Structures are given as C-alpha cells and as structure tokens.
C-alpha cells in the first residue's frame, strides 16, 4: 500500500515538471520595419522551446477581423532562438486606413513526428504607433 502514494507523488512531480517546461515556451516579435499588406513576416525570438522541437508552426489571426485568414506556415527550427524576417509564408497585416488591428501569432513547437509538444502566443498591434 505504501508504494501507491509514492508512485502517485512521483507522477505528480513529473507532470508538474513537464507542464512547467511547456509553459516556459514563449515568442516575441515586432512589426517595426514590416510594411502593411506585404508578405514579409516579422523576425521572432523564441525562448525555451522544448529540446525535442524540430519545427515551428506559425498561424496569425486578426482579433479585429477574425474571419480574415492570414494563414501561416511550418518551418524547420534549429534551436537558435531566432526565426528570421520573411521566413513565414502568410498574408501580412492590412487593416483599413486609419484603423489599428490586434494580431495574434500562435506558435506550436513540433517534434520530429510533427506532434505538438508546446504552444506559445505573441500579440502585437498594427500599424505600430
């Protein structure tokens, strides 16, 4: 009977450790230098991607025009913590003249089989003011 509580305790510690690792994954970007209605994606800084990450899947959504599909793409990831400008295939931000829209990037870390091992989000307004 004593082994069951120990096994459950170990399972809880492992679960919490894996949840902590996945929750540390994050991404940052800036629209600075990105032209409206273009197809050049911003550069990203990736922090704490899980060690098994082989590729990153990027999707962008407009919170102010949720039915417009900006798309995204999956790119190889070498663990450098950087995704260069222009690496992602998508339709760039293009709010109506005079409007500012809020865009959210969802970034999924994928292992070598394409399984999602972590997810991050990064948000920014466009145009930058």
N, C-alpha and C. Protein backbone atom coordinates (compact mmCIF):
# COMPACT_ATOMS: atom_id res chain seq x y z
N UNK A 1 0.80 -1.19 0.00
CA UNK A 1 0.00 0.00 0.00
C UNK A 1 0.86 1.27 0.00
N UNK A 2 2.02 1.22 0.64
CA UNK A 2 2.84 2.43 0.72
C UNK A 2 3.40 2.82 -0.64
N UNK A 3 3.55 1.88 -1.55
CA UNK A 3 4.12 2.19 -2.85
C UNK A 3 3.16 3.04 -3.71
N UNK A 4 1.88 2.86 -3.55
CA UNK A 4 0.91 3.62 -4.34
C UNK A 4 1.03 5.12 -4.09
N UNK A 5 1.04 5.60 -2.83
CA UNK A 5 1.20 7.04 -2.61
C UNK A 5 2.53 7.58 -3.16
N UNK A 6 3.62 6.79 -3.05
CA UNK A 6 4.91 7.23 -3.58
C UNK A 6 4.85 7.33 -5.10
N UNK A 7 4.23 6.36 -5.74
CA UNK A 7 4.12 6.38 -7.20
C UNK A 7 3.26 7.56 -7.65
N UNK A 8 2.18 7.82 -6.95
CA UNK A 8 1.34 8.96 -7.30
C UNK A 8 2.09 10.27 -7.10
N UNK A 9 2.88 10.35 -6.03
CA UNK A 9 3.67 11.55 -5.78
C UNK A 9 4.69 11.78 -6.88
N UNK A 10 5.36 10.72 -7.32
CA UNK A 10 6.33 10.83 -8.40
C UNK A 10 5.64 11.24 -9.70
N UNK A 11 4.49 10.65 -9.98
CA UNK A 11 3.74 11.01 -11.19
C UNK A 11 3.34 12.48 -11.16
N UNK A 12 2.92 12.98 -10.01
CA UNK A 12 2.53 14.39 -9.89
C UNK A 12 3.73 15.31 -10.12
N UNK A 13 4.89 14.95 -9.58
CA UNK A 13 6.10 15.76 -9.78
C UNK A 13 6.49 15.78 -11.25
N UNK A 14 6.45 14.62 -11.92
CA UNK A 14 6.78 14.56 -13.34
C UNK A 14 5.80 15.35 -14.19
N UNK A 15 4.53 15.27 -13.87
CA UNK A 15 3.51 16.02 -14.59
C UNK A 15 3.73 17.52 -14.42
N UNK A 16 3.97 17.97 -13.20
CA UNK A 16 4.21 19.38 -12.95
C UNK A 16 5.47 19.87 -13.65
N UNK A 17 6.52 19.04 -13.66
CA UNK A 17 7.75 19.42 -14.34
C UNK A 17 7.53 19.56 -15.83
N UNK A 18 6.79 18.64 -16.43
CA UNK A 18 6.56 18.74 -17.87
C UNK A 18 5.65 19.92 -18.19
N UNK A 19 4.68 20.22 -17.35
CA UNK A 19 3.82 21.37 -17.57
C UNK A 19 4.62 22.67 -17.45
N UNK A 20 5.55 22.71 -16.50
CA UNK A 20 6.38 23.91 -16.33
C UNK A 20 7.23 24.12 -17.57
N UNK A 21 7.84 23.05 -18.09
CA UNK A 21 8.69 23.17 -19.26
C UNK A 21 7.90 23.70 -20.45
N UNK A 22 6.70 23.16 -20.67
CA UNK A 22 5.88 23.60 -21.80
C UNK A 22 5.41 25.03 -21.62
N UNK A 23 5.11 25.43 -20.39
CA UNK A 23 4.59 26.78 -20.17
C UNK A 23 5.68 27.83 -20.30
N UNK A 24 6.96 27.44 -20.23
CA UNK A 24 8.05 28.40 -20.36
C UNK A 24 8.28 28.80 -21.81
N UNK A 25 7.83 28.01 -22.77
CA UNK A 25 7.98 28.30 -24.19
C UNK A 25 7.27 29.61 -24.53
N UNK A 26 7.99 30.54 -25.14
CA UNK A 26 7.39 31.82 -25.50
C UNK A 26 8.04 32.37 -26.76
N UNK A 27 7.38 33.38 -27.33
CA UNK A 27 7.89 34.02 -28.54
C UNK A 27 7.62 35.51 -28.48
N UNK A 28 8.51 36.29 -29.12
CA UNK A 28 8.35 37.74 -29.21
C UNK A 28 8.64 38.17 -30.65
N UNK A 29 8.02 39.28 -31.05
CA UNK A 29 8.27 39.83 -32.37
C UNK A 29 7.97 41.32 -32.34
N UNK A 30 8.32 42.00 -33.42
CA UNK A 30 8.00 43.42 -33.58
C UNK A 30 7.58 43.64 -35.02
N UNK A 31 6.59 44.50 -35.21
CA UNK A 31 6.16 44.88 -36.55
C UNK A 31 7.09 45.94 -37.14
N UNK A 32 8.01 46.47 -36.38
CA UNK A 32 8.89 47.53 -36.85
C UNK A 32 9.56 47.12 -38.17
N UNK A 33 9.41 47.98 -39.19
CA UNK A 33 10.00 47.71 -40.49
C UNK A 33 9.15 46.85 -41.41
N UNK A 34 8.03 46.33 -40.93
CA UNK A 34 7.14 45.50 -41.73
C UNK A 34 6.11 46.40 -42.41
N UNK A 35 5.99 46.27 -43.72
CA UNK A 35 5.05 47.10 -44.48
C UNK A 35 3.65 46.52 -44.46
N UNK A 36 2.66 47.40 -44.44
CA UNK A 36 1.25 46.98 -44.48
C UNK A 36 0.98 46.22 -45.78
N UNK A 37 0.16 45.19 -45.65
CA UNK A 37 -0.34 44.41 -46.79
C UNK A 37 0.76 43.64 -47.53
N UNK A 38 1.91 43.50 -46.91
CA UNK A 38 3.00 42.76 -47.53
C UNK A 38 2.98 41.28 -47.15
N UNK A 39 3.97 40.58 -47.60
CA UNK A 39 4.09 39.16 -47.30
C UNK A 39 5.40 38.83 -46.57
N UNK A 40 6.08 39.86 -46.10
CA UNK A 40 7.31 39.64 -45.34
C UNK A 40 6.95 39.53 -43.87
N UNK A 41 7.19 38.37 -43.30
CA UNK A 41 6.85 38.16 -41.89
C UNK A 41 7.91 38.80 -40.99
N UNK A 42 7.51 39.16 -39.77
CA UNK A 42 8.49 39.72 -38.83
C UNK A 42 9.45 38.64 -38.34
N UNK A 43 10.57 39.09 -37.83
CA UNK A 43 11.51 38.19 -37.16
C UNK A 43 10.95 37.85 -35.78
N UNK A 44 11.25 36.66 -35.29
CA UNK A 44 10.80 36.21 -33.98
C UNK A 44 11.98 35.81 -33.11
N UNK A 45 11.83 36.04 -31.82
CA UNK A 45 12.73 35.50 -30.82
C UNK A 45 11.96 34.41 -30.09
N UNK A 46 12.54 33.23 -30.04
CA UNK A 46 11.91 32.06 -29.42
C UNK A 46 12.66 31.76 -28.13
N UNK A 47 11.93 31.65 -27.03
CA UNK A 47 12.53 31.34 -25.73
C UNK A 47 12.02 30.01 -25.21
N UNK A 48 12.94 29.20 -24.73
CA UNK A 48 12.63 27.95 -24.03
C UNK A 48 11.80 26.97 -24.85
N UNK A 49 12.11 26.84 -26.13
CA UNK A 49 11.46 25.79 -26.93
C UNK A 49 11.89 24.44 -26.37
N UNK A 50 10.98 23.49 -26.29
CA UNK A 50 11.36 22.16 -25.79
C UNK A 50 12.50 21.58 -26.61
N UNK A 51 13.37 20.82 -25.98
CA UNK A 51 14.57 20.31 -26.65
C UNK A 51 14.25 19.41 -27.84
N UNK A 52 13.07 18.80 -27.86
CA UNK A 52 12.71 17.91 -28.97
C UNK A 52 12.10 18.66 -30.17
N UNK A 53 12.06 19.99 -30.10
CA UNK A 53 11.47 20.78 -31.18
C UNK A 53 12.30 20.65 -32.45
N UNK A 54 11.64 20.22 -33.52
CA UNK A 54 12.28 20.10 -34.84
C UNK A 54 11.75 21.16 -35.81
N UNK A 55 10.51 21.62 -35.57
CA UNK A 55 9.93 22.64 -36.44
C UNK A 55 8.94 23.47 -35.63
N UNK A 56 8.60 24.63 -36.20
CA UNK A 56 7.65 25.54 -35.58
C UNK A 56 6.54 25.82 -36.58
N UNK A 57 5.29 25.73 -36.10
CA UNK A 57 4.13 26.05 -36.93
C UNK A 57 3.59 27.40 -36.48
N UNK A 58 3.54 28.36 -37.41
CA UNK A 58 3.07 29.72 -37.15
C UNK A 58 1.72 29.93 -37.82
N UNK A 59 0.78 30.51 -37.07
CA UNK A 59 -0.52 30.93 -37.60
C UNK A 59 -0.81 32.31 -37.04
N UNK A 60 -1.30 33.21 -37.91
CA UNK A 60 -1.63 34.56 -37.45
C UNK A 60 -3.12 34.81 -37.62
N UNK A 61 -3.72 35.40 -36.59
CA UNK A 61 -5.13 35.76 -36.62
C UNK A 61 -5.29 37.22 -36.24
N UNK A 62 -6.27 37.85 -36.85
CA UNK A 62 -6.61 39.25 -36.58
C UNK A 62 -7.78 39.25 -35.60
N UNK A 63 -7.56 39.75 -34.39
CA UNK A 63 -8.62 39.78 -33.38
C UNK A 63 -9.74 40.72 -33.75
N UNK A 64 -9.46 41.69 -34.63
CA UNK A 64 -10.47 42.66 -35.03
C UNK A 64 -11.19 42.29 -36.32
N UNK A 65 -10.69 41.31 -37.02
CA UNK A 65 -11.33 40.78 -38.24
C UNK A 65 -11.11 39.27 -38.24
N UNK A 66 -11.75 38.56 -37.30
CA UNK A 66 -11.45 37.13 -37.10
C UNK A 66 -11.79 36.23 -38.28
N UNK A 67 -12.58 36.68 -39.22
CA UNK A 67 -12.91 35.83 -40.37
C UNK A 67 -11.90 35.94 -41.51
N UNK A 68 -10.96 36.89 -41.40
CA UNK A 68 -9.93 37.00 -42.42
C UNK A 68 -8.82 36.02 -42.08
N UNK A 69 -8.47 35.17 -43.03
CA UNK A 69 -7.44 34.15 -42.80
C UNK A 69 -6.09 34.64 -43.30
N UNK A 70 -5.19 34.88 -42.37
CA UNK A 70 -3.83 35.32 -42.71
C UNK A 70 -2.92 34.14 -42.99
N UNK A 71 -3.31 32.97 -42.52
CA UNK A 71 -2.50 31.78 -42.78
C UNK A 71 -1.27 31.72 -41.92
N UNK A 72 -0.28 31.05 -42.45
CA UNK A 72 0.97 30.81 -41.74
C UNK A 72 1.67 29.63 -42.38
N UNK A 73 2.71 29.16 -41.74
CA UNK A 73 3.43 28.01 -42.29
C UNK A 73 4.23 27.32 -41.20
N UNK A 74 4.74 26.17 -41.56
CA UNK A 74 5.61 25.39 -40.67
C UNK A 74 7.02 25.49 -41.23
N UNK A 75 7.96 25.81 -40.34
CA UNK A 75 9.35 25.97 -40.77
C UNK A 75 10.26 25.12 -39.89
N UNK A 76 11.40 24.68 -40.43
CA UNK A 76 12.37 23.95 -39.59
C UNK A 76 12.89 24.87 -38.49
N UNK A 77 13.25 24.26 -37.37
CA UNK A 77 13.79 25.03 -36.26
C UNK A 77 15.08 24.37 -35.79
N UNK A 78 16.15 25.16 -35.71
CA UNK A 78 17.46 24.62 -35.35
C UNK A 78 17.85 24.87 -33.90
N UNK A 79 16.95 25.43 -33.10
CA UNK A 79 17.24 25.67 -31.70
C UNK A 79 17.98 26.96 -31.41
N UNK A 80 18.15 27.81 -32.41
CA UNK A 80 18.92 29.04 -32.26
C UNK A 80 18.20 30.12 -31.45
N UNK A 81 16.87 30.00 -31.32
CA UNK A 81 16.11 31.04 -30.63
C UNK A 81 15.71 32.17 -31.57
N UNK A 82 15.99 32.03 -32.84
CA UNK A 82 15.68 33.07 -33.81
C UNK A 82 14.95 32.49 -35.02
N UNK A 83 13.97 33.24 -35.49
CA UNK A 83 13.31 32.97 -36.77
C UNK A 83 13.47 34.25 -37.57
N UNK A 84 14.16 34.19 -38.70
CA UNK A 84 14.46 35.43 -39.42
C UNK A 84 13.24 36.05 -40.10
N UNK A 85 13.33 37.35 -40.33
CA UNK A 85 12.31 38.07 -41.07
C UNK A 85 12.10 37.39 -42.42
N UNK A 86 10.83 37.25 -42.81
CA UNK A 86 10.50 36.66 -44.11
C UNK A 86 10.44 35.15 -44.14
N UNK A 87 10.66 34.48 -43.01
CA UNK A 87 10.70 33.01 -43.00
C UNK A 87 9.33 32.36 -43.09
N UNK A 88 8.28 33.10 -42.75
CA UNK A 88 6.94 32.51 -42.65
C UNK A 88 6.11 32.96 -43.85
N UNK A 89 5.43 32.02 -44.46
CA UNK A 89 4.54 32.31 -45.59
C UNK A 89 3.17 32.67 -45.03
N UNK A 90 2.73 33.91 -45.27
CA UNK A 90 1.45 34.37 -44.73
C UNK A 90 1.01 35.61 -45.48
N UNK A 91 -0.19 36.08 -45.20
CA UNK A 91 -0.69 37.36 -45.71
C UNK A 91 -0.53 38.36 -44.58
N UNK A 92 0.24 39.39 -44.81
CA UNK A 92 0.58 40.35 -43.77
C UNK A 92 -0.58 41.19 -43.28
N UNK A 93 -0.36 41.93 -42.19
CA UNK A 93 -1.40 42.77 -41.63
C UNK A 93 -1.79 43.87 -42.61
N UNK A 94 -3.09 44.10 -42.73
CA UNK A 94 -3.59 45.08 -43.70
C UNK A 94 -4.90 45.69 -43.21
N UNK A 95 -4.86 46.35 -42.03
CA UNK A 95 -6.11 46.94 -41.53
C UNK A 95 -6.57 48.09 -42.42
N UNK A 96 -7.85 48.42 -42.37
CA UNK A 96 -8.34 49.57 -43.15
C UNK A 96 -7.59 50.85 -42.78
N UNK A 97 -7.52 51.78 -43.72
CA UNK A 97 -6.83 53.06 -43.48
C UNK A 97 -7.34 53.70 -42.20
N UNK A 98 -6.41 54.12 -41.35
CA UNK A 98 -6.75 54.79 -40.10
C UNK A 98 -7.07 53.87 -38.94
N UNK A 99 -7.19 52.58 -39.20
CA UNK A 99 -7.52 51.62 -38.14
C UNK A 99 -6.26 50.94 -37.62
N UNK A 100 -6.32 50.53 -36.38
CA UNK A 100 -5.27 49.72 -35.76
C UNK A 100 -5.91 48.39 -35.40
N UNK A 101 -5.30 47.29 -35.84
CA UNK A 101 -5.81 45.96 -35.52
C UNK A 101 -4.84 45.24 -34.60
N UNK A 102 -5.39 44.29 -33.86
CA UNK A 102 -4.61 43.45 -32.94
C UNK A 102 -4.43 42.08 -33.57
N UNK A 103 -3.18 41.67 -33.70
CA UNK A 103 -2.85 40.40 -34.34
C UNK A 103 -2.23 39.46 -33.32
N UNK A 104 -2.63 38.19 -33.40
CA UNK A 104 -2.09 37.18 -32.50
C UNK A 104 -1.45 36.08 -33.33
N UNK A 105 -0.18 35.82 -33.03
CA UNK A 105 0.52 34.69 -33.61
C UNK A 105 0.42 33.52 -32.64
N UNK A 106 0.06 32.37 -33.15
CA UNK A 106 0.12 31.13 -32.38
C UNK A 106 1.29 30.34 -32.94
N UNK A 107 2.19 29.92 -32.05
CA UNK A 107 3.38 29.19 -32.46
C UNK A 107 3.35 27.84 -31.75
N UNK A 108 3.40 26.77 -32.53
CA UNK A 108 3.43 25.42 -31.98
C UNK A 108 4.80 24.82 -32.23
N UNK A 109 5.39 24.27 -31.18
CA UNK A 109 6.64 23.54 -31.29
C UNK A 109 6.29 22.09 -31.64
N UNK A 110 6.88 21.59 -32.72
CA UNK A 110 6.58 20.24 -33.19
C UNK A 110 7.83 19.36 -33.09
N UNK A 111 7.63 18.11 -32.68
CA UNK A 111 8.76 17.18 -32.64
C UNK A 111 8.99 16.58 -34.03
N UNK A 112 9.91 15.61 -34.14
CA UNK A 112 10.26 15.08 -35.46
C UNK A 112 9.11 14.33 -36.14
N UNK A 113 8.10 13.90 -35.39
CA UNK A 113 6.93 13.25 -35.98
C UNK A 113 5.80 14.24 -36.28
N UNK A 114 6.04 15.52 -35.97
CA UNK A 114 5.02 16.53 -36.20
C UNK A 114 4.03 16.68 -35.06
N UNK A 115 4.32 16.04 -33.93
CA UNK A 115 3.45 16.13 -32.76
C UNK A 115 3.70 17.47 -32.04
N UNK A 116 2.61 18.14 -31.67
CA UNK A 116 2.70 19.39 -30.94
C UNK A 116 3.20 19.10 -29.52
N UNK A 117 4.36 19.69 -29.16
CA UNK A 117 4.91 19.47 -27.82
C UNK A 117 4.81 20.70 -26.93
N UNK A 118 4.49 21.86 -27.52
CA UNK A 118 4.30 23.08 -26.75
C UNK A 118 3.65 24.13 -27.64
N UNK A 119 3.02 25.10 -27.00
CA UNK A 119 2.35 26.18 -27.74
C UNK A 119 2.64 27.50 -27.06
N UNK A 120 2.85 28.53 -27.88
CA UNK A 120 3.07 29.89 -27.38
C UNK A 120 2.23 30.84 -28.21
N UNK A 121 2.03 32.03 -27.70
CA UNK A 121 1.31 33.06 -28.44
C UNK A 121 2.05 34.38 -28.25
N UNK A 122 1.98 35.20 -29.30
CA UNK A 122 2.58 36.54 -29.24
C UNK A 122 1.61 37.49 -29.92
N UNK A 123 1.40 38.66 -29.33
CA UNK A 123 0.41 39.60 -29.84
C UNK A 123 1.05 40.96 -30.11
N UNK A 124 0.55 41.62 -31.16
CA UNK A 124 1.02 42.95 -31.48
C UNK A 124 -0.01 43.73 -32.27
N UNK A 125 -0.01 45.04 -32.10
CA UNK A 125 -0.93 45.91 -32.84
C UNK A 125 -0.23 46.39 -34.12
N UNK A 126 -1.04 46.59 -35.16
CA UNK A 126 -0.51 47.09 -36.43
C UNK A 126 -1.50 48.09 -37.00
N UNK A 127 -1.05 49.24 -37.49
CA UNK A 127 0.35 49.66 -37.54
C UNK A 127 0.86 50.06 -36.17
N UNK A 128 2.19 50.06 -36.07
CA UNK A 128 2.84 50.45 -34.82
C UNK A 128 2.75 51.96 -34.67
N UNK A 129 2.35 52.42 -33.52
CA UNK A 129 2.26 53.87 -33.26
C UNK A 129 3.08 54.22 -32.07
